Amino acid sequence: GDDIRELISARPEVVTANTSIKRIREGVFLWENGASPYAGDATHAAPFLLFLFFPLVNAAPHVIAAVYTVLDVTCALLMRSIAAEYMQSQEASE
């Protein structure tokens, strides 16, 4: 469990500046201490992500993983819906 999580969390293919919980934690820390999280190069996450993950930064890793999973599935379903709508519009225009 933990070995796989550590291995994956270090891979640049799946962890970017936008998705790294470490970066979000740092941004929240700066925000809580009155500094702008965007003043340096530490935080690249959207302000909404900082707001969303603010209560979760000290949560257990499985809770954070569950939130990421729910967000990923939601994004996938939305993209599927958009693609289906586009395909229908293309078929209707033919």
N, C-alpha and C. Protein backbone atom coordinates (compact mmCIF):
# COMPACT_ATOMS: atom_id res chain seq x y z
N GLY A 1 0.79 -1.19 0.00
CA GLY A 1 0.00 0.00 0.00
C GLY A 1 0.83 1.26 0.00
N ASP A 2 1.61 1.47 1.09
CA ASP A 2 2.38 2.71 1.21
C ASP A 2 3.51 2.78 0.20
N ASP A 3 4.13 1.62 -0.11
CA ASP A 3 5.22 1.61 -1.07
C ASP A 3 4.75 2.04 -2.45
N ILE A 4 3.58 1.56 -2.85
CA ILE A 4 3.03 1.92 -4.17
C ILE A 4 2.67 3.39 -4.19
N ARG A 5 2.05 3.89 -3.11
CA ARG A 5 1.67 5.30 -3.03
C ARG A 5 2.91 6.18 -3.14
N GLU A 6 3.99 5.81 -2.44
CA GLU A 6 5.22 6.60 -2.51
C GLU A 6 5.83 6.55 -3.91
N LEU A 7 5.80 5.39 -4.54
CA LEU A 7 6.35 5.25 -5.89
C LEU A 7 5.57 6.11 -6.88
N ILE A 8 4.25 6.03 -6.83
CA ILE A 8 3.41 6.79 -7.76
C ILE A 8 3.51 8.28 -7.49
N SER A 9 3.55 8.66 -6.23
CA SER A 9 3.58 10.10 -5.90
C SER A 9 4.86 10.78 -6.35
N ALA A 10 5.88 10.01 -6.67
CA ALA A 10 7.13 10.59 -7.14
C ALA A 10 7.25 10.61 -8.66
N ARG A 11 6.34 9.98 -9.36
CA ARG A 11 6.41 9.89 -10.83
C ARG A 11 5.87 11.17 -11.47
N PRO A 12 6.67 11.83 -12.31
CA PRO A 12 6.21 13.07 -12.94
C PRO A 12 5.08 12.84 -13.94
N GLU A 13 4.87 11.60 -14.38
CA GLU A 13 3.79 11.33 -15.34
C GLU A 13 2.41 11.51 -14.70
N VAL A 14 2.33 11.28 -13.40
CA VAL A 14 1.03 11.36 -12.73
C VAL A 14 0.94 12.49 -11.72
N VAL A 15 2.08 13.07 -11.34
CA VAL A 15 2.07 14.15 -10.37
C VAL A 15 2.63 15.40 -11.05
N THR A 16 1.82 16.41 -11.10
CA THR A 16 2.25 17.68 -11.66
C THR A 16 2.14 18.75 -10.58
N ALA A 17 2.58 19.92 -10.90
CA ALA A 17 2.46 21.02 -9.93
C ALA A 17 1.01 21.29 -9.57
N ASN A 18 0.09 21.02 -10.50
CA ASN A 18 -1.31 21.26 -10.21
C ASN A 18 -1.95 20.17 -9.37
N THR A 19 -1.45 18.95 -9.45
CA THR A 19 -2.11 17.85 -8.76
C THR A 19 -1.40 17.40 -7.49
N SER A 20 -0.25 17.94 -7.21
CA SER A 20 0.51 17.51 -6.04
C SER A 20 -0.13 18.02 -4.76
N ILE A 21 -0.50 17.10 -3.91
CA ILE A 21 -1.08 17.50 -2.62
C ILE A 21 -0.03 18.22 -1.78
N LYS A 22 1.24 17.90 -2.01
CA LYS A 22 2.31 18.60 -1.27
C LYS A 22 2.30 20.08 -1.61
N ARG A 23 2.11 20.39 -2.89
CA ARG A 23 2.06 21.80 -3.30
C ARG A 23 0.82 22.49 -2.76
N ILE A 24 -0.28 21.76 -2.74
CA ILE A 24 -1.51 22.35 -2.21
C ILE A 24 -1.37 22.60 -0.71
N ARG A 25 -0.76 21.65 0.00
CA ARG A 25 -0.51 21.85 1.44
C ARG A 25 0.35 23.08 1.67
N GLU A 26 1.38 23.24 0.86
CA GLU A 26 2.25 24.41 1.01
C GLU A 26 1.48 25.69 0.72
N GLY A 27 0.64 25.67 -0.31
CA GLY A 27 -0.16 26.85 -0.62
C GLY A 27 -1.12 27.20 0.51
N VAL A 28 -1.75 26.19 1.09
CA VAL A 28 -2.66 26.42 2.21
C VAL A 28 -1.90 26.96 3.41
N PHE A 29 -0.71 26.42 3.66
CA PHE A 29 0.11 26.90 4.77
C PHE A 29 0.43 28.39 4.59
N LEU A 30 0.86 28.75 3.38
CA LEU A 30 1.16 30.16 3.11
C LEU A 30 -0.07 31.03 3.30
N TRP A 31 -1.20 30.55 2.78
CA TRP A 31 -2.45 31.29 2.88
C TRP A 31 -2.85 31.50 4.34
N GLU A 32 -2.73 30.43 5.16
CA GLU A 32 -3.09 30.53 6.58
C GLU A 32 -2.19 31.50 7.33
N ASN A 33 -0.96 31.66 6.87
CA ASN A 33 0.00 32.52 7.56
C ASN A 33 0.12 33.90 6.94
N GLY A 34 -0.86 34.28 6.13
CA GLY A 34 -0.93 35.64 5.62
C GLY A 34 -0.07 35.93 4.40
N ALA A 35 0.56 34.91 3.84
CA ALA A 35 1.38 35.13 2.65
C ALA A 35 0.60 34.67 1.41
N SER A 36 0.89 35.28 0.29
CA SER A 36 0.25 34.87 -0.94
C SER A 36 0.84 33.55 -1.42
N PRO A 37 0.00 32.54 -1.64
CA PRO A 37 0.53 31.26 -2.14
C PRO A 37 1.09 31.37 -3.55
N TYR A 38 0.77 32.45 -4.24
CA TYR A 38 1.18 32.61 -5.63
C TYR A 38 2.37 33.54 -5.79
N ALA A 39 2.91 34.06 -4.69
CA ALA A 39 4.03 35.00 -4.77
C ALA A 39 5.29 34.34 -5.30
N GLY A 40 5.52 33.11 -4.96
CA GLY A 40 6.71 32.40 -5.43
C GLY A 40 6.33 31.37 -6.48
N ASP A 41 7.09 30.31 -6.51
CA ASP A 41 6.85 29.26 -7.51
C ASP A 41 6.32 27.99 -6.86
N ALA A 42 5.88 28.06 -5.61
CA ALA A 42 5.47 26.86 -4.89
C ALA A 42 4.08 26.38 -5.29
N THR A 43 3.16 27.29 -5.54
CA THR A 43 1.77 26.90 -5.78
C THR A 43 1.34 27.30 -7.18
N HIS A 44 0.83 26.32 -7.90
CA HIS A 44 0.29 26.58 -9.23
C HIS A 44 -1.19 26.18 -9.30
N ALA A 45 -1.73 25.71 -8.20
CA ALA A 45 -3.11 25.25 -8.17
C ALA A 45 -4.06 26.43 -8.27
N ALA A 46 -5.22 26.17 -8.83
CA ALA A 46 -6.25 27.21 -8.90
C ALA A 46 -6.72 27.56 -7.48
N PRO A 47 -7.12 28.80 -7.27
CA PRO A 47 -7.61 29.18 -5.94
C PRO A 47 -8.74 28.28 -5.45
N PHE A 48 -9.57 27.80 -6.37
CA PHE A 48 -10.66 26.91 -5.98
C PHE A 48 -10.11 25.62 -5.35
N LEU A 49 -9.01 25.09 -5.89
CA LEU A 49 -8.42 23.88 -5.32
C LEU A 49 -7.90 24.14 -3.91
N LEU A 50 -7.29 25.29 -3.69
CA LEU A 50 -6.84 25.62 -2.33
C LEU A 50 -8.03 25.69 -1.39
N PHE A 51 -9.11 26.31 -1.83
CA PHE A 51 -10.31 26.40 -1.02
C PHE A 51 -10.91 25.01 -0.78
N LEU A 52 -10.94 24.18 -1.82
CA LEU A 52 -11.53 22.84 -1.72
C LEU A 52 -10.73 21.95 -0.77
N PHE A 53 -9.41 22.00 -0.89
CA PHE A 53 -8.58 21.11 -0.10
C PHE A 53 -8.16 21.70 1.25
N PHE A 54 -8.55 22.93 1.53
CA PHE A 54 -8.20 23.56 2.80
C PHE A 54 -8.55 22.67 4.00
N PRO A 55 -9.77 22.13 4.09
CA PRO A 55 -10.08 21.29 5.25
C PRO A 55 -9.44 19.90 5.17
N LEU A 56 -8.88 19.53 4.03
CA LEU A 56 -8.36 18.17 3.86
C LEU A 56 -6.85 18.05 3.97
N VAL A 57 -6.14 19.17 4.10
CA VAL A 57 -4.68 19.09 4.03
C VAL A 57 -4.08 18.25 5.15
N ASN A 58 -4.74 18.14 6.26
CA ASN A 58 -4.23 17.33 7.37
C ASN A 58 -4.99 16.01 7.51
N ALA A 59 -5.80 15.68 6.52
CA ALA A 59 -6.58 14.44 6.57
C ALA A 59 -5.68 13.24 6.27
N ALA A 60 -6.21 12.08 6.58
CA ALA A 60 -5.49 10.84 6.30
C ALA A 60 -5.32 10.68 4.79
N PRO A 61 -4.23 10.03 4.37
CA PRO A 61 -3.98 9.86 2.93
C PRO A 61 -5.11 9.17 2.17
N HIS A 62 -5.80 8.22 2.81
CA HIS A 62 -6.88 7.55 2.10
C HIS A 62 -8.08 8.47 1.87
N VAL A 63 -8.27 9.45 2.74
CA VAL A 63 -9.35 10.42 2.55
C VAL A 63 -9.02 11.32 1.35
N ILE A 64 -7.78 11.78 1.29
CA ILE A 64 -7.35 12.61 0.16
C ILE A 64 -7.44 11.82 -1.14
N ALA A 65 -7.02 10.56 -1.11
CA ALA A 65 -7.11 9.71 -2.31
C ALA A 65 -8.56 9.53 -2.74
N ALA A 66 -9.46 9.39 -1.79
CA ALA A 66 -10.88 9.24 -2.13
C ALA A 66 -11.43 10.50 -2.79
N VAL A 67 -11.04 11.66 -2.28
CA VAL A 67 -11.50 12.92 -2.87
C VAL A 67 -10.95 13.06 -4.28
N TYR A 68 -9.67 12.77 -4.47
CA TYR A 68 -9.08 12.82 -5.82
C TYR A 68 -9.81 11.86 -6.75
N THR A 69 -10.13 10.67 -6.27
CA THR A 69 -10.81 9.68 -7.10
C THR A 69 -12.19 10.17 -7.50
N VAL A 70 -12.93 10.71 -6.57
CA VAL A 70 -14.27 11.23 -6.88
C VAL A 70 -14.17 12.37 -7.90
N LEU A 71 -13.20 13.26 -7.73
CA LEU A 71 -13.03 14.35 -8.68
C LEU A 71 -12.63 13.83 -10.07
N ASP A 72 -11.75 12.83 -10.12
CA ASP A 72 -11.35 12.25 -11.41
C ASP A 72 -12.52 11.59 -12.11
N VAL A 73 -13.31 10.82 -11.37
CA VAL A 73 -14.48 10.15 -11.97
C VAL A 73 -15.49 11.18 -12.45
N THR A 74 -15.70 12.21 -11.66
CA THR A 74 -16.63 13.28 -12.06
C THR A 74 -16.15 13.95 -13.34
N CYS A 75 -14.87 14.26 -13.43
CA CYS A 75 -14.33 14.86 -14.65
C CYS A 75 -14.47 13.92 -15.85
N ALA A 76 -14.20 12.65 -15.63
CA ALA A 76 -14.34 11.67 -16.72
C ALA A 76 -15.77 11.59 -17.22
N LEU A 77 -16.73 11.58 -16.30
CA LEU A 77 -18.14 11.52 -16.70
C LEU A 77 -18.56 12.78 -17.44
N LEU A 78 -18.08 13.92 -16.99
CA LEU A 78 -18.39 15.17 -17.68
C LEU A 78 -17.79 15.20 -19.08
N MET A 79 -16.55 14.74 -19.21
CA MET A 79 -15.92 14.70 -20.54
C MET A 79 -16.65 13.72 -21.45
N ARG A 80 -17.10 12.60 -20.91
CA ARG A 80 -17.86 11.63 -21.70
C ARG A 80 -19.17 12.25 -22.18
N SER A 81 -19.83 12.97 -21.30
CA SER A 81 -21.08 13.63 -21.65
C SER A 81 -20.87 14.68 -22.73
N ILE A 82 -19.81 15.45 -22.62
CA ILE A 82 -19.49 16.47 -23.62
C ILE A 82 -19.19 15.82 -24.97
N ALA A 83 -18.42 14.73 -24.94
CA ALA A 83 -18.09 14.03 -26.18
C ALA A 83 -19.33 13.44 -26.84
N ALA A 84 -20.23 12.87 -26.04
CA ALA A 84 -21.47 12.30 -26.59
C ALA A 84 -22.33 13.39 -27.21
N GLU A 85 -22.41 14.51 -26.55
CA GLU A 85 -23.19 15.65 -27.08
C GLU A 85 -22.58 16.13 -28.41
N TYR A 86 -21.27 16.21 -28.46
CA TYR A 86 -20.60 16.63 -29.68
C TYR A 86 -20.85 15.64 -30.82
N MET A 87 -20.75 14.36 -30.52
CA MET A 87 -20.97 13.33 -31.54
C MET A 87 -22.41 13.40 -32.08
N GLN A 88 -23.35 13.63 -31.18
CA GLN A 88 -24.75 13.75 -31.62
C GLN A 88 -24.94 14.98 -32.50
N SER A 89 -24.29 16.07 -32.17
CA SER A 89 -24.43 17.27 -32.98
C SER A 89 -23.78 17.08 -34.37
N GLN A 90 -22.69 16.31 -34.42
CA GLN A 90 -22.05 16.03 -35.70
C GLN A 90 -22.92 15.12 -36.58
N GLU A 91 -23.56 14.12 -35.96
CA GLU A 91 -24.44 13.23 -36.70
C GLU A 91 -25.66 13.97 -37.20
N ALA A 92 -26.18 14.90 -36.40
CA ALA A 92 -27.38 15.64 -36.79
C ALA A 92 -27.08 16.61 -37.95
N SER A 93 -25.86 17.09 -38.03
CA SER A 93 -25.52 18.05 -39.07
C SER A 93 -25.20 17.38 -40.41
N GLU A 94 -25.06 16.05 -40.41
CA GLU A 94 -24.76 15.35 -41.66
C GLU A 94 -25.97 15.10 -42.50
